[in-house]
């Protein structure tokens, strides 16, 4: 979606949320950290330079730029930026030792941001640069979602309550996708809610990463591995998260 992420493109974690999202918390806070598509990002910088090389890694592209500070690698959502053209990458945030699984390459340094276009306003510093790939634009009504069957099945509130004992273990969770961001740090990011948990404490929402796709409003069953105190850098910090999940839409 490394020490993800502006991606983490390198964002969607990224300040109040709607009634379906969690409140932003400090990296070491016990309350849940938000998905990379809602919190404030660290202040980035604008990088302007000539495109020397372009690498495709849909839905993003990597651009090697010749700038005033020398040659640098940047990563932006797919856009027209041909070799030889002059571009500006807005609110670029530095990531070190970032691995692109799509390209099968690790960048010692890469700046994640958004490509500024002529006549367009530059995104405010600290704003999420991946908001354009984030769903939904409207509030998703959750209601009460039936718990998945099986010994590994947990509700959202149970995962929060048992997170320490569940660390590193596989769980099954059925819930409604209240927010979805595609291709952040090489992963798709889902926020799941099932009607359980305490909204004020943030224990009503679980962040899930997957290679599978979904959409805001989908009711899905996922199976993945619980991890705790996960810090992907650049503000992507989670007290609890389910990683590498398989998604079944039902």
Protein backbone atom coordinates (compact mmCIF):
# COMPACT_ATOMS: atom_id res chain seq x y z
CA UNK A 1 0.00 0.00 0.00
CA UNK A 2 7.91 -0.25 4.36
CA UNK A 3 8.63 2.66 6.74
CA UNK A 4 3.34 1.70 2.47
CA UNK A 5 3.56 5.55 2.97
CA UNK A 6 1.87 10.24 1.09
CA UNK A 7 1.01 5.55 0.37
CA UNK A 8 0.76 5.15 0.82
CA UNK A 9 -0.95 5.82 -2.33
CA UNK A 10 1.17 5.73 0.63
CA UNK A 11 -2.22 7.99 2.52
CA UNK A 12 -5.78 6.07 1.86
CA UNK A 13 -3.49 6.44 7.72
CA UNK A 14 -4.77 8.82 6.68
CA UNK A 15 -9.52 14.87 11.53
CA UNK A 16 -12.76 13.50 12.07
CA UNK A 17 -14.41 10.73 10.17
CA UNK A 18 -18.00 10.27 9.17
CA UNK A 19 -20.23 8.15 11.36
CA UNK A 20 -18.75 5.08 9.67
CA UNK A 21 -15.08 5.80 10.32
CA UNK A 22 -12.68 5.87 13.25
CA UNK A 23 -11.09 8.87 14.89
CA UNK A 24 -7.43 9.56 14.24
CA UNK A 25 -5.13 8.61 17.10
CA UNK A 26 -1.41 8.90 17.80
CA UNK A 27 0.76 5.98 16.63
CA UNK A 28 1.12 4.48 20.09
CA UNK A 29 -2.43 5.16 21.21
CA UNK A 30 -4.53 2.25 22.38
CA UNK A 31 -7.50 3.42 20.33
CA UNK A 32 -7.67 2.31 16.69
CA UNK A 33 -5.73 4.20 14.07
CA UNK A 34 -7.64 5.12 10.93
CA UNK A 35 -7.40 3.68 7.47
CA UNK A 36 -4.94 5.42 5.14
CA UNK A 37 -7.77 7.43 3.66
CA UNK A 38 -8.95 9.68 6.42
CA UNK A 39 -6.20 11.03 8.65
CA UNK A 40 -3.76 13.85 8.30
CA UNK A 41 -0.53 12.99 6.52
CA UNK A 42 2.85 14.44 7.42
CA UNK A 43 3.59 17.68 5.57
CA UNK A 44 5.25 16.92 2.25
CA UNK A 45 7.12 18.99 -0.29
CA UNK A 46 6.57 19.86 -3.92
CA UNK A 47 9.09 18.36 -6.32
CA UNK A 48 9.42 19.78 -9.83
CA UNK A 49 11.60 18.22 -12.47
CA UNK A 50 12.03 16.59 -15.85
CA UNK A 51 10.82 13.02 -16.27
CA UNK A 52 13.84 10.85 -17.04
CA UNK A 53 12.15 7.46 -16.65
CA UNK A 54 8.65 6.10 -16.11
CA UNK A 55 7.72 2.70 -14.67
CA UNK A 56 4.15 1.39 -14.75
CA UNK A 57 2.75 -0.27 -11.63
CA UNK A 58 -1.01 0.15 -12.01
CA UNK A 59 -2.85 1.92 -10.46
CA UNK A 60 0.31 3.99 -9.91
CA UNK A 61 3.39 4.96 -11.87
CA UNK A 62 6.93 5.64 -10.72
CA UNK A 63 8.73 8.64 -12.18
CA UNK A 64 12.46 9.30 -12.00
CA UNK A 65 12.82 13.07 -12.00
CA UNK A 66 15.74 15.40 -12.51
CA UNK A 67 15.10 18.10 -9.91
CA UNK A 68 16.98 20.94 -8.27
CA UNK A 69 17.97 18.49 -5.50
CA UNK A 70 19.22 15.90 -7.97
CA UNK A 71 17.62 12.78 -9.41
CA UNK A 72 14.82 11.34 -7.31
CA UNK A 73 12.20 8.61 -7.67
CA UNK A 74 8.58 9.59 -7.13
CA UNK A 75 5.33 7.60 -7.16
CA UNK A 76 1.95 9.02 -8.15
CA UNK A 77 -1.48 7.72 -9.19
CA UNK A 78 -1.49 6.90 -12.92
CA UNK A 79 -1.46 10.09 -14.99
CA UNK A 80 -0.04 11.52 -18.20
CA UNK A 81 3.62 12.21 -17.51
CA UNK A 82 5.71 11.33 -20.52
CA UNK A 83 9.47 11.02 -20.63
CA UNK A 84 11.01 14.44 -21.19
CA UNK A 85 8.06 16.38 -19.79
CA UNK A 86 8.27 18.77 -16.84
CA UNK A 87 6.05 17.82 -13.92
CA UNK A 88 5.41 18.72 -10.31
CA UNK A 89 4.71 16.07 -7.67
CA UNK A 90 2.73 17.80 -4.94
CA UNK A 91 2.98 17.07 -1.20
CA UNK A 92 5.62 14.39 -1.75
CA UNK A 93 6.44 12.31 1.33
CA UNK A 94 9.71 10.38 1.49
CA UNK A 95 9.65 6.61 2.01
CA UNK A 96 12.86 4.64 2.50
CA UNK A 97 13.54 1.02 1.54
CA UNK A 98 10.13 0.80 -0.10
CA UNK A 99 9.38 -2.48 -1.86
CA UNK A 100 7.12 -2.49 -4.91
CA UNK A 101 5.85 -6.04 -5.30
CA UNK A 102 4.39 -5.16 -8.69
CA UNK A 103 7.79 -4.08 -10.00
CA UNK A 104 9.68 -6.62 -7.86
CA UNK A 105 12.01 -3.83 -6.86
CA UNK A 106 13.01 -2.04 -3.68
CA UNK A 107 13.60 1.71 -3.82
CA UNK A 108 16.15 3.07 -1.36
CA UNK A 109 14.21 6.35 -1.47
CA UNK A 110 10.94 7.22 -3.18
CA UNK A 111 8.65 10.22 -2.75
CA UNK A 112 4.91 9.49 -2.79
CA UNK A 113 2.60 12.28 -3.84
CA UNK A 114 0.13 13.42 -6.48
CA UNK A 115 0.82 14.85 -9.90
CA UNK A 116 -0.10 18.52 -10.07
CA UNK A 117 -1.83 19.58 -13.27
CA UNK A 118 -1.76 22.95 -14.96
CA UNK A 119 -4.46 25.22 -13.56
CA UNK A 120 -5.32 22.82 -10.76
CA UNK A 121 -5.03 23.75 -7.14
CA UNK A 122 -2.22 22.02 -5.26
CA UNK A 123 -3.60 19.71 -2.56
CA UNK A 124 -3.27 21.16 0.91
CA UNK A 125 -0.25 19.99 2.84
CA UNK A 126 -1.20 17.07 5.04
CA UNK A 127 -4.22 16.17 2.92
CA UNK A 128 -4.67 12.60 1.78
CA UNK A 129 -3.36 12.39 -1.82
CA UNK A 130 -5.23 9.16 -2.47
CA UNK A 131 -8.67 10.43 -1.73
CA UNK A 132 -9.69 10.12 -5.38
CA UNK A 133 -9.43 6.33 -5.16
CA UNK A 134 -11.31 6.06 -1.91
CA UNK A 135 -14.90 4.92 -1.48
CA UNK A 136 -17.51 5.83 -0.42
CA UNK A 137 -18.67 9.39 -1.10
CA UNK A 138 -21.73 8.79 1.08
CA UNK A 139 -22.36 7.20 4.45
CA UNK A 140 -22.89 3.42 4.42
CA UNK A 141 -25.60 2.16 6.76
CA UNK A 142 -24.34 -0.89 8.62
CA UNK A 143 -27.10 -2.22 10.86
CA UNK A 144 -26.50 -5.65 12.40
CA UNK A 145 -24.47 -8.13 10.34
CA UNK A 146 -24.73 -11.82 11.25
CA UNK A 147 -21.53 -13.36 12.60
CA UNK A 148 -19.65 -15.70 10.26
CA UNK A 149 -19.80 -19.44 11.07
CA UNK A 150 -16.85 -21.50 12.27
CA UNK A 151 -14.42 -21.73 15.17
CA UNK A 152 -12.24 -18.90 13.85
CA UNK A 153 -15.18 -16.52 13.45
CA UNK A 154 -15.14 -13.29 15.44
CA UNK A 155 -17.15 -10.09 15.50
CA UNK A 156 -15.44 -6.72 15.23
CA UNK A 157 -15.80 -6.10 18.96
CA UNK A 158 -14.44 -9.57 19.78
CA UNK A 159 -11.34 -8.95 17.67
CA UNK A 160 -10.69 -5.73 19.55
CA UNK A 161 -11.27 -7.38 22.92
CA UNK A 162 -9.11 -10.41 22.08
CA UNK A 163 -6.51 -8.72 19.90
CA UNK A 164 -3.52 -9.64 22.06
CA UNK A 165 -4.37 -13.35 22.17
CA UNK A 166 -5.33 -13.32 18.48
CA UNK A 167 -2.07 -11.75 17.29
CA UNK A 168 -0.59 -13.84 14.48
CA UNK A 169 -3.68 -16.03 14.27
CA UNK A 170 -6.23 -16.45 11.51
CA UNK A 171 -9.76 -15.12 11.99
CA UNK A 172 -12.93 -15.02 9.93
CA UNK A 173 -15.04 -11.86 10.00
CA UNK A 174 -18.27 -10.94 8.26
CA UNK A 175 -19.05 -7.26 7.95
CA UNK A 176 -20.05 -4.39 5.74
CA UNK A 177 -17.42 -2.40 3.83
CA UNK A 178 -17.82 1.19 4.99
CA UNK A 179 -14.67 2.48 3.27
CA UNK A 180 -12.49 1.05 0.51
CA UNK A 181 -9.21 2.20 -1.04
CA UNK A 182 -7.53 0.38 -3.88
CA UNK A 183 -3.82 -0.15 -4.51
CA UNK A 184 -2.36 1.62 -1.49
CA UNK A 185 1.10 0.26 -0.73
CA UNK A 186 0.39 -2.55 -3.15
CA UNK A 187 -2.73 -3.58 -1.23
CA UNK A 188 -6.44 -2.89 -1.10
CA UNK A 189 -7.66 -1.44 2.21
CA UNK A 190 -11.11 -2.09 3.67
CA UNK A 191 -12.86 -0.80 6.76
CA UNK A 192 -15.32 -3.38 8.05
CA UNK A 193 -18.13 -2.90 10.56
CA UNK A 194 -20.76 -5.38 11.72
CA UNK A 195 -22.79 -3.37 14.21
CA UNK A 196 -20.77 -4.52 17.22
CA UNK A 197 -18.29 -2.51 19.25
CA UNK A 198 -18.26 0.98 20.71
CA UNK A 199 -18.16 3.83 18.20
CA UNK A 200 -16.87 6.30 20.81
CA UNK A 201 -13.95 4.02 21.63
CA UNK A 202 -13.36 3.13 17.96
CA UNK A 203 -13.87 -0.57 18.57
CA UNK A 204 -16.68 -0.75 16.02
CA UNK A 205 -14.34 -0.76 13.01
CA UNK A 206 -11.56 -3.04 11.74
CA UNK A 207 -9.06 -2.26 9.01
CA UNK A 208 -8.32 -5.10 6.58
CA UNK A 209 -5.70 -5.41 3.82
CA UNK A 210 -6.17 -7.73 0.86
CA UNK A 211 -5.27 -8.34 -2.76
CA UNK A 212 -8.96 -8.97 -3.42
CA UNK A 213 -11.33 -6.20 -4.43
CA UNK A 214 -14.55 -4.96 -2.85
CA UNK A 215 -16.71 -1.86 -2.85
CA UNK A 216 -18.21 0.37 -0.20
CA UNK A 217 -21.57 -1.06 0.80
CA UNK A 218 -20.62 -4.70 0.10
CA UNK A 219 -21.30 -7.27 2.81
CA UNK A 220 -18.29 -9.57 2.78
CA UNK A 221 -16.70 -12.42 4.70
CA UNK A 222 -12.94 -12.15 5.09
CA UNK A 223 -10.31 -14.52 6.44
CA UNK A 224 -6.93 -13.11 7.37
CA UNK A 225 -4.24 -12.79 10.04
CA UNK A 226 -4.59 -10.51 13.03
CA UNK A 227 -1.66 -8.21 13.76
CA UNK A 228 -1.27 -5.58 16.48
CA UNK A 229 0.74 -2.39 16.92
CA UNK A 230 1.48 -2.23 13.19
CA UNK A 231 3.28 0.94 12.09
CA UNK A 232 3.82 1.27 8.33
CA UNK A 233 5.33 4.73 8.69
CA UNK A 234 4.11 8.14 7.50
CA UNK A 235 1.16 8.01 9.87
CA UNK A 236 -0.02 4.50 8.96
CA UNK A 237 -0.35 3.10 12.46
CA UNK A 238 -2.83 0.50 13.71
CA UNK A 239 -3.53 -0.90 17.15
CA UNK A 240 -5.10 -3.90 15.43
CA UNK A 241 -5.40 -4.85 11.77
CA UNK A 242 -6.24 -7.95 9.70
CA UNK A 243 -3.68 -8.52 6.96
CA UNK A 244 -3.47 -10.55 3.73
CA UNK A 245 -7.16 -11.40 3.86
CA UNK A 246 -9.18 -13.34 1.32
CA UNK A 247 -12.49 -11.63 0.54
CA UNK A 248 -15.74 -13.47 -0.20
CA UNK A 249 -18.65 -11.28 -1.25
CA UNK A 250 -21.80 -12.56 0.41
